[in-house]
């Protein structure tokens, strides 16, 4: 199995690379669109600003290639910002348009607060129930706000604070986490390993 990690010139590559390598795989850093064609599973890490990320992907013809990758029903894991760019509209550093897989907007927390630290997630999907009430590491100041009730069904986990925070999104061959599994120690490694063994059933 060939695993690719997408480099958009701002993301945290080392942590996710090392996590996958320790699981016995040899992931490839993807920097050019042609490199995506030989990859079986794609991971999009999550550090950086939304507009800068999307502008970079579009400027370097990676945005359209990721769309093609998804349409081929190959598994994708988006982490934090890597999840958020699969929404409709994002408002970090200006408005930008995401992949529109999820009908949601990505907006800042009230009072510009940051959700940072270890949080327990509440799972509502039996296929991922082993992670229910487990603590994962979060670090984000923007979150998903669904535009319609229908797309909320793709939210498979939340954390509860002053407002609910979508934490795990699964739709077709896409998995998105608001948390950082690569920084979540043993439970995070188990989550990454489950993705690497995951076969979408739509």
C-alpha atoms as a PDB file:
ATOM      1  CA  UNK A   1       0.000   0.000   0.000  1.00  0.00           C
ATOM      2  CA  UNK A   2       1.360   3.408  -1.002  1.00  0.00           C
ATOM      3  CA  UNK A   3       0.577   6.219   1.437  1.00  0.00           C
ATOM      4  CA  UNK A   4       0.956   9.869   0.512  1.00  0.00           C
ATOM      5  CA  UNK A   5       1.180  12.919   2.792  1.00  0.00           C
ATOM      6  CA  UNK A   6       0.215  16.138   1.028  1.00  0.00           C
ATOM      7  CA  UNK A   7       2.602  19.058   1.448  1.00  0.00           C
ATOM      8  CA  UNK A   8       0.928  22.457   1.048  1.00  0.00           C
ATOM      9  CA  UNK A   9       3.944  24.414   2.268  1.00  0.00           C
ATOM     10  CA  UNK A  10       2.631  25.107   5.766  1.00  0.00           C
ATOM     11  CA  UNK A  11       1.530  21.815   7.243  1.00  0.00           C
ATOM     12  CA  UNK A  12       2.996  19.673   9.977  1.00  0.00           C
ATOM     13  CA  UNK A  13       4.668  16.903   7.995  1.00  0.00           C
ATOM     14  CA  UNK A  14       7.137  15.466  10.488  1.00  0.00           C
ATOM     15  CA  UNK A  15       4.659  14.321  13.164  1.00  0.00           C
ATOM     16  CA  UNK A  16       2.326  12.468  10.815  1.00  0.00           C
ATOM     17  CA  UNK A  17       5.233  11.046   8.803  1.00  0.00           C
ATOM     18  CA  UNK A  18       6.857   9.641  11.933  1.00  0.00           C
ATOM     19  CA  UNK A  19       3.553   8.224  13.209  1.00  0.00           C
ATOM     20  CA  UNK A  20       3.005   6.308   9.977  1.00  0.00           C
ATOM     21  CA  UNK A  21       6.630   5.216   9.742  1.00  0.00           C
ATOM     22  CA  UNK A  22       6.507   3.780  13.268  1.00  0.00           C
ATOM     23  CA  UNK A  23       3.502   1.700  12.193  1.00  0.00           C
ATOM     24  CA  UNK A  24       5.718  -0.003   9.615  1.00  0.00           C
ATOM     25  CA  UNK A  25       4.911   2.007   6.484  1.00  0.00           C
ATOM     26  CA  UNK A  26       7.077   4.206   4.278  1.00  0.00           C
ATOM     27  CA  UNK A  27       4.926   7.229   3.375  1.00  0.00           C
ATOM     28  CA  UNK A  28       5.744   9.566   0.506  1.00  0.00           C
ATOM     29  CA  UNK A  29       5.610  13.357   0.761  1.00  0.00           C
ATOM     30  CA  UNK A  30       3.442  14.609  -2.119  1.00  0.00           C
ATOM     31  CA  UNK A  31       4.474  17.942  -3.632  1.00  0.00           C
ATOM     32  CA  UNK A  32       3.482  17.575  -7.305  1.00  0.00           C
ATOM     33  CA  UNK A  33       0.197  16.569  -8.837  1.00  0.00           C
ATOM     34  CA  UNK A  34       1.722  13.685 -10.806  1.00  0.00           C
ATOM     35  CA  UNK A  35       2.858  12.069  -7.566  1.00  0.00           C
ATOM     36  CA  UNK A  36      -0.747  11.637  -6.455  1.00  0.00           C
ATOM     37  CA  UNK A  37      -1.459   9.232  -9.282  1.00  0.00           C
ATOM     38  CA  UNK A  38       0.560   6.412  -7.708  1.00  0.00           C
ATOM     39  CA  UNK A  39      -0.838   6.800  -4.161  1.00  0.00           C
ATOM     40  CA  UNK A  40      -3.414   4.441  -2.633  1.00  0.00           C
ATOM     41  CA  UNK A  41      -4.292   6.503   0.459  1.00  0.00           C
ATOM     42  CA  UNK A  42      -3.807  10.213   1.054  1.00  0.00           C
ATOM     43  CA  UNK A  43      -3.320  12.112   4.306  1.00  0.00           C
ATOM     44  CA  UNK A  44      -3.707  15.893   4.434  1.00  0.00           C
ATOM     45  CA  UNK A  45      -2.089  17.256   7.628  1.00  0.00           C
ATOM     46  CA  UNK A  46      -3.420  20.200   9.549  1.00  0.00           C
ATOM     47  CA  UNK A  47      -1.297  23.208  10.390  1.00  0.00           C
ATOM     48  CA  UNK A  48      -1.624  26.593   8.706  1.00  0.00           C
ATOM     49  CA  UNK A  49      -4.193  29.155   7.596  1.00  0.00           C
ATOM     50  CA  UNK A  50      -7.102  28.115   5.386  1.00  0.00           C
ATOM     51  CA  UNK A  51      -6.755  30.729   2.650  1.00  0.00           C
ATOM     52  CA  UNK A  52      -3.012  30.245   2.313  1.00  0.00           C
ATOM     53  CA  UNK A  53      -3.489  26.492   2.107  1.00  0.00           C
ATOM     54  CA  UNK A  54      -6.210  26.617  -0.543  1.00  0.00           C
ATOM     55  CA  UNK A  55      -4.431  29.277  -2.592  1.00  0.00           C
ATOM     56  CA  UNK A  56      -1.304  27.122  -2.618  1.00  0.00           C
ATOM     57  CA  UNK A  57      -3.198  23.984  -3.656  1.00  0.00           C
ATOM     58  CA  UNK A  58      -4.969  25.794  -6.489  1.00  0.00           C
ATOM     59  CA  UNK A  59      -1.857  27.631  -7.694  1.00  0.00           C
ATOM     60  CA  UNK A  60       0.097  24.378  -7.887  1.00  0.00           C
ATOM     61  CA  UNK A  61      -2.693  22.339  -9.545  1.00  0.00           C
ATOM     62  CA  UNK A  62      -2.994  20.121  -6.487  1.00  0.00           C
ATOM     63  CA  UNK A  63      -6.585  21.114  -5.678  1.00  0.00           C
ATOM     64  CA  UNK A  64      -8.010  19.569  -8.851  1.00  0.00           C
ATOM     65  CA  UNK A  65      -5.804  16.501  -8.462  1.00  0.00           C
ATOM     66  CA  UNK A  66      -7.117  15.883  -4.940  1.00  0.00           C
ATOM     67  CA  UNK A  67     -10.653  16.125  -6.366  1.00  0.00           C
ATOM     68  CA  UNK A  68      -9.749  13.480  -8.932  1.00  0.00           C
ATOM     69  CA  UNK A  69      -8.221  11.319  -6.200  1.00  0.00           C
ATOM     70  CA  UNK A  70     -11.437  11.527  -4.206  1.00  0.00           C
ATOM     71  CA  UNK A  71     -13.623  10.754  -7.220  1.00  0.00           C
ATOM     72  CA  UNK A  72     -11.599   7.580  -7.767  1.00  0.00           C
ATOM     73  CA  UNK A  73     -12.913   6.515  -4.321  1.00  0.00           C
ATOM     74  CA  UNK A  74      -9.456   6.357  -2.788  1.00  0.00           C
ATOM     75  CA  UNK A  75      -9.367   6.948   0.978  1.00  0.00           C
ATOM     76  CA  UNK A  76      -8.421  10.386   2.286  1.00  0.00           C
ATOM     77  CA  UNK A  77      -7.703  11.417   5.871  1.00  0.00           C
ATOM     78  CA  UNK A  78      -7.891  15.155   6.535  1.00  0.00           C
ATOM     79  CA  UNK A  79      -6.511  16.345   9.878  1.00  0.00           C
ATOM     80  CA  UNK A  80      -7.662  19.641  11.457  1.00  0.00           C
ATOM     81  CA  UNK A  81      -7.214  22.139   8.585  1.00  0.00           C
ATOM     82  CA  UNK A  82      -7.081  19.078   6.333  1.00  0.00           C
ATOM     83  CA  UNK A  83     -10.672  18.420   7.420  1.00  0.00           C
ATOM     84  CA  UNK A  84     -11.805  22.026   7.208  1.00  0.00           C
ATOM     85  CA  UNK A  85     -10.813  22.507   3.551  1.00  0.00           C
ATOM     86  CA  UNK A  86     -13.385  19.862   2.582  1.00  0.00           C
ATOM     87  CA  UNK A  87     -16.182  22.193   3.695  1.00  0.00           C
ATOM     88  CA  UNK A  88     -17.916  24.793   1.502  1.00  0.00           C
ATOM     89  CA  UNK A  89     -16.650  28.167   2.702  1.00  0.00           C
ATOM     90  CA  UNK A  90     -13.783  29.088   4.994  1.00  0.00           C
ATOM     91  CA  UNK A  91     -13.216  32.456   6.643  1.00  0.00           C
ATOM     92  CA  UNK A  92      -9.679  32.297   7.990  1.00  0.00           C
ATOM     93  CA  UNK A  93      -7.509  35.148   6.589  1.00  0.00           C
ATOM     94  CA  UNK A  94     -10.329  36.060   4.211  1.00  0.00           C
ATOM     95  CA  UNK A  95     -13.019  34.029   2.493  1.00  0.00           C
ATOM     96  CA  UNK A  96     -12.045  31.015   0.418  1.00  0.00           C
ATOM     97  CA  UNK A  97     -13.851  28.086  -1.170  1.00  0.00           C
ATOM     98  CA  UNK A  98     -13.102  24.534  -0.117  1.00  0.00           C
ATOM     99  CA  UNK A  99     -13.812  21.194  -1.773  1.00  0.00           C
ATOM    100  CA  UNK A 100     -17.508  21.455  -0.801  1.00  0.00           C
ATOM    101  CA  UNK A 101     -17.787  17.798   0.182  1.00  0.00           C
ATOM    102  CA  UNK A 102     -19.475  18.875   3.411  1.00  0.00           C
ATOM    103  CA  UNK A 103     -22.103  21.627   3.342  1.00  0.00           C
ATOM    104  CA  UNK A 104     -20.585  23.580   6.191  1.00  0.00           C
ATOM    105  CA  UNK A 105     -18.757  26.831   6.782  1.00  0.00           C
ATOM    106  CA  UNK A 106     -15.568  27.112   8.794  1.00  0.00           C
ATOM    107  CA  UNK A 107     -15.842  30.019  11.213  1.00  0.00           C
ATOM    108  CA  UNK A 108     -13.901  31.297  14.193  1.00  0.00           C
ATOM    109  CA  UNK A 109     -14.856  30.556  17.756  1.00  0.00           C
ATOM    110  CA  UNK A 110     -16.721  33.362  19.554  1.00  0.00           C
ATOM    111  CA  UNK A 111     -14.344  35.862  21.149  1.00  0.00           C
ATOM    112  CA  UNK A 112     -11.505  34.424  19.013  1.00  0.00           C
ATOM    113  CA  UNK A 113     -10.815  31.736  21.567  1.00  0.00           C
ATOM    114  CA  UNK A 114      -8.692  28.655  20.882  1.00  0.00           C
ATOM    115  CA  UNK A 115      -9.651  25.089  21.668  1.00  0.00           C
ATOM    116  CA  UNK A 116      -6.362  23.571  22.734  1.00  0.00           C
ATOM    117  CA  UNK A 117      -5.549  20.520  24.807  1.00  0.00           C
ATOM    118  CA  UNK A 118      -6.845  17.003  25.420  1.00  0.00           C
ATOM    119  CA  UNK A 119     -10.576  16.454  24.949  1.00  0.00           C
ATOM    120  CA  UNK A 120     -12.764  13.362  25.125  1.00  0.00           C
ATOM    121  CA  UNK A 121     -14.815  12.666  22.017  1.00  0.00           C
ATOM    122  CA  UNK A 122     -18.312  11.177  21.935  1.00  0.00           C
ATOM    123  CA  UNK A 123     -18.727   8.664  19.078  1.00  0.00           C
ATOM    124  CA  UNK A 124     -22.100   7.930  17.464  1.00  0.00           C
ATOM    125  CA  UNK A 125     -20.908   5.385  14.882  1.00  0.00           C
ATOM    126  CA  UNK A 126     -20.583   1.711  15.848  1.00  0.00           C
ATOM    127  CA  UNK A 127     -17.721   1.218  13.389  1.00  0.00           C
ATOM    128  CA  UNK A 128     -15.570   3.651  15.377  1.00  0.00           C
ATOM    129  CA  UNK A 129     -16.991   2.994  18.830  1.00  0.00           C
ATOM    130  CA  UNK A 130     -13.637   1.887  20.247  1.00  0.00           C
ATOM    131  CA  UNK A 131     -12.681   5.573  20.314  1.00  0.00           C
ATOM    132  CA  UNK A 132     -15.743   6.665  22.283  1.00  0.00           C
ATOM    133  CA  UNK A 133     -14.862   8.691  25.371  1.00  0.00           C
ATOM    134  CA  UNK A 134     -11.157   8.606  24.459  1.00  0.00           C
ATOM    135  CA  UNK A 135      -9.028  11.731  24.741  1.00  0.00           C
ATOM    136  CA  UNK A 136      -7.441  13.273  21.655  1.00  0.00           C
ATOM    137  CA  UNK A 137      -5.315  16.378  21.268  1.00  0.00           C
ATOM    138  CA  UNK A 138      -6.993  19.482  19.781  1.00  0.00           C
ATOM    139  CA  UNK A 139      -5.497  22.795  18.688  1.00  0.00           C
ATOM    140  CA  UNK A 140      -7.754  25.042  16.581  1.00  0.00           C
ATOM    141  CA  UNK A 141      -9.454  28.418  16.582  1.00  0.00           C
ATOM    142  CA  UNK A 142     -11.916  27.664  13.738  1.00  0.00           C
ATOM    143  CA  UNK A 143     -14.649  25.032  13.585  1.00  0.00           C
ATOM    144  CA  UNK A 144     -17.284  23.598  11.257  1.00  0.00           C
ATOM    145  CA  UNK A 145     -20.801  25.021  11.261  1.00  0.00           C
ATOM    146  CA  UNK A 146     -23.226  22.916   9.225  1.00  0.00           C
ATOM    147  CA  UNK A 147     -25.454  24.771   6.785  1.00  0.00           C
ATOM    148  CA  UNK A 148     -28.190  22.140   6.804  1.00  0.00           C
ATOM    149  CA  UNK A 149     -29.337  19.328   9.034  1.00  0.00           C
ATOM    150  CA  UNK A 150     -28.798  16.688   6.365  1.00  0.00           C
ATOM    151  CA  UNK A 151     -25.020  16.938   6.385  1.00  0.00           C
ATOM    152  CA  UNK A 152     -24.902  16.624  10.163  1.00  0.00           C
ATOM    153  CA  UNK A 153     -25.327  12.880   9.686  1.00  0.00           C
ATOM    154  CA  UNK A 154     -21.720  12.726   8.519  1.00  0.00           C
ATOM    155  CA  UNK A 155     -20.549  13.989  11.900  1.00  0.00           C
ATOM    156  CA  UNK A 156     -19.574  10.850  13.801  1.00  0.00           C
ATOM    157  CA  UNK A 157     -18.090  12.442  16.918  1.00  0.00           C
ATOM    158  CA  UNK A 158     -18.242  15.668  18.898  1.00  0.00           C
ATOM    159  CA  UNK A 159     -16.791  17.198  21.970  1.00  0.00           C
ATOM    160  CA  UNK A 160     -19.006  19.211  24.255  1.00  0.00           C
ATOM    161  CA  UNK A 161     -17.852  22.547  25.589  1.00  0.00           C
ATOM    162  CA  UNK A 162     -19.820  25.774  25.606  1.00  0.00           C
ATOM    163  CA  UNK A 163     -20.868  24.724  22.117  1.00  0.00           C
ATOM    164  CA  UNK A 164     -20.641  21.426  20.271  1.00  0.00           C
ATOM    165  CA  UNK A 165     -17.544  20.946  18.154  1.00  0.00           C
ATOM    166  CA  UNK A 166     -17.694  18.462  15.250  1.00  0.00           C
ATOM    167  CA  UNK A 167     -14.641  16.263  15.721  1.00  0.00           C
ATOM    168  CA  UNK A 168     -14.943  13.353  13.287  1.00  0.00           C
ATOM    169  CA  UNK A 169     -16.500  13.563   9.823  1.00  0.00           C
ATOM    170  CA  UNK A 170     -16.915  10.504   7.616  1.00  0.00           C
ATOM    171  CA  UNK A 171     -18.445  10.750   4.145  1.00  0.00           C
ATOM    172  CA  UNK A 172     -17.877   8.193   1.404  1.00  0.00           C
ATOM    173  CA  UNK A 173     -14.089   7.699   1.157  1.00  0.00           C
ATOM    174  CA  UNK A 174     -13.204  10.737   3.275  1.00  0.00           C
ATOM    175  CA  UNK A 175     -12.411  10.825   6.989  1.00  0.00           C
ATOM    176  CA  UNK A 176     -11.786  14.170   8.649  1.00  0.00           C
ATOM    177  CA  UNK A 177     -10.657  14.761  12.218  1.00  0.00           C
ATOM    178  CA  UNK A 178     -10.673  18.095  14.021  1.00  0.00           C
ATOM    179  CA  UNK A 179      -8.251  16.557  16.507  1.00  0.00           C
ATOM    180  CA  UNK A 180      -4.635  15.628  15.777  1.00  0.00           C
ATOM    181  CA  UNK A 181      -4.234  11.834  15.928  1.00  0.00           C
ATOM    182  CA  UNK A 182      -0.517  12.173  15.209  1.00  0.00           C
ATOM    183  CA  UNK A 183      -0.159  14.132  18.471  1.00  0.00           C
ATOM    184  CA  UNK A 184      -2.517  11.938  20.491  1.00  0.00           C
ATOM    185  CA  UNK A 185      -0.043   9.279  21.586  1.00  0.00           C
ATOM    186  CA  UNK A 186      -1.230   5.654  21.782  1.00  0.00           C
ATOM    187  CA  UNK A 187      -4.904   6.253  21.003  1.00  0.00           C
ATOM    188  CA  UNK A 188      -3.923   8.492  18.084  1.00  0.00           C
ATOM    189  CA  UNK A 189      -1.650   5.827  16.654  1.00  0.00           C
ATOM    190  CA  UNK A 190      -4.524   3.336  16.879  1.00  0.00           C
ATOM    191  CA  UNK A 191      -6.747   5.782  14.991  1.00  0.00           C
ATOM    192  CA  UNK A 192      -4.171   6.247  12.224  1.00  0.00           C
ATOM    193  CA  UNK A 193      -3.695   2.494  11.991  1.00  0.00           C
ATOM    194  CA  UNK A 194      -7.458   2.031  11.652  1.00  0.00           C
ATOM    195  CA  UNK A 195      -7.520   4.530   8.783  1.00  0.00           C
ATOM    196  CA  UNK A 196      -4.655   2.721   7.050  1.00  0.00           C
ATOM    197  CA  UNK A 197      -6.694  -0.507   7.255  1.00  0.00           C
ATOM    198  CA  UNK A 198     -10.003   1.203   6.434  1.00  0.00           C
ATOM    199  CA  UNK A 199     -11.973   0.324   3.329  1.00  0.00           C
ATOM    200  CA  UNK A 200     -14.823   2.762   2.613  1.00  0.00           C
ATOM    201  CA  UNK A 201     -18.240   1.179   2.211  1.00  0.00           C
ATOM    202  CA  UNK A 202     -20.121   4.379   1.342  1.00  0.00           C
END
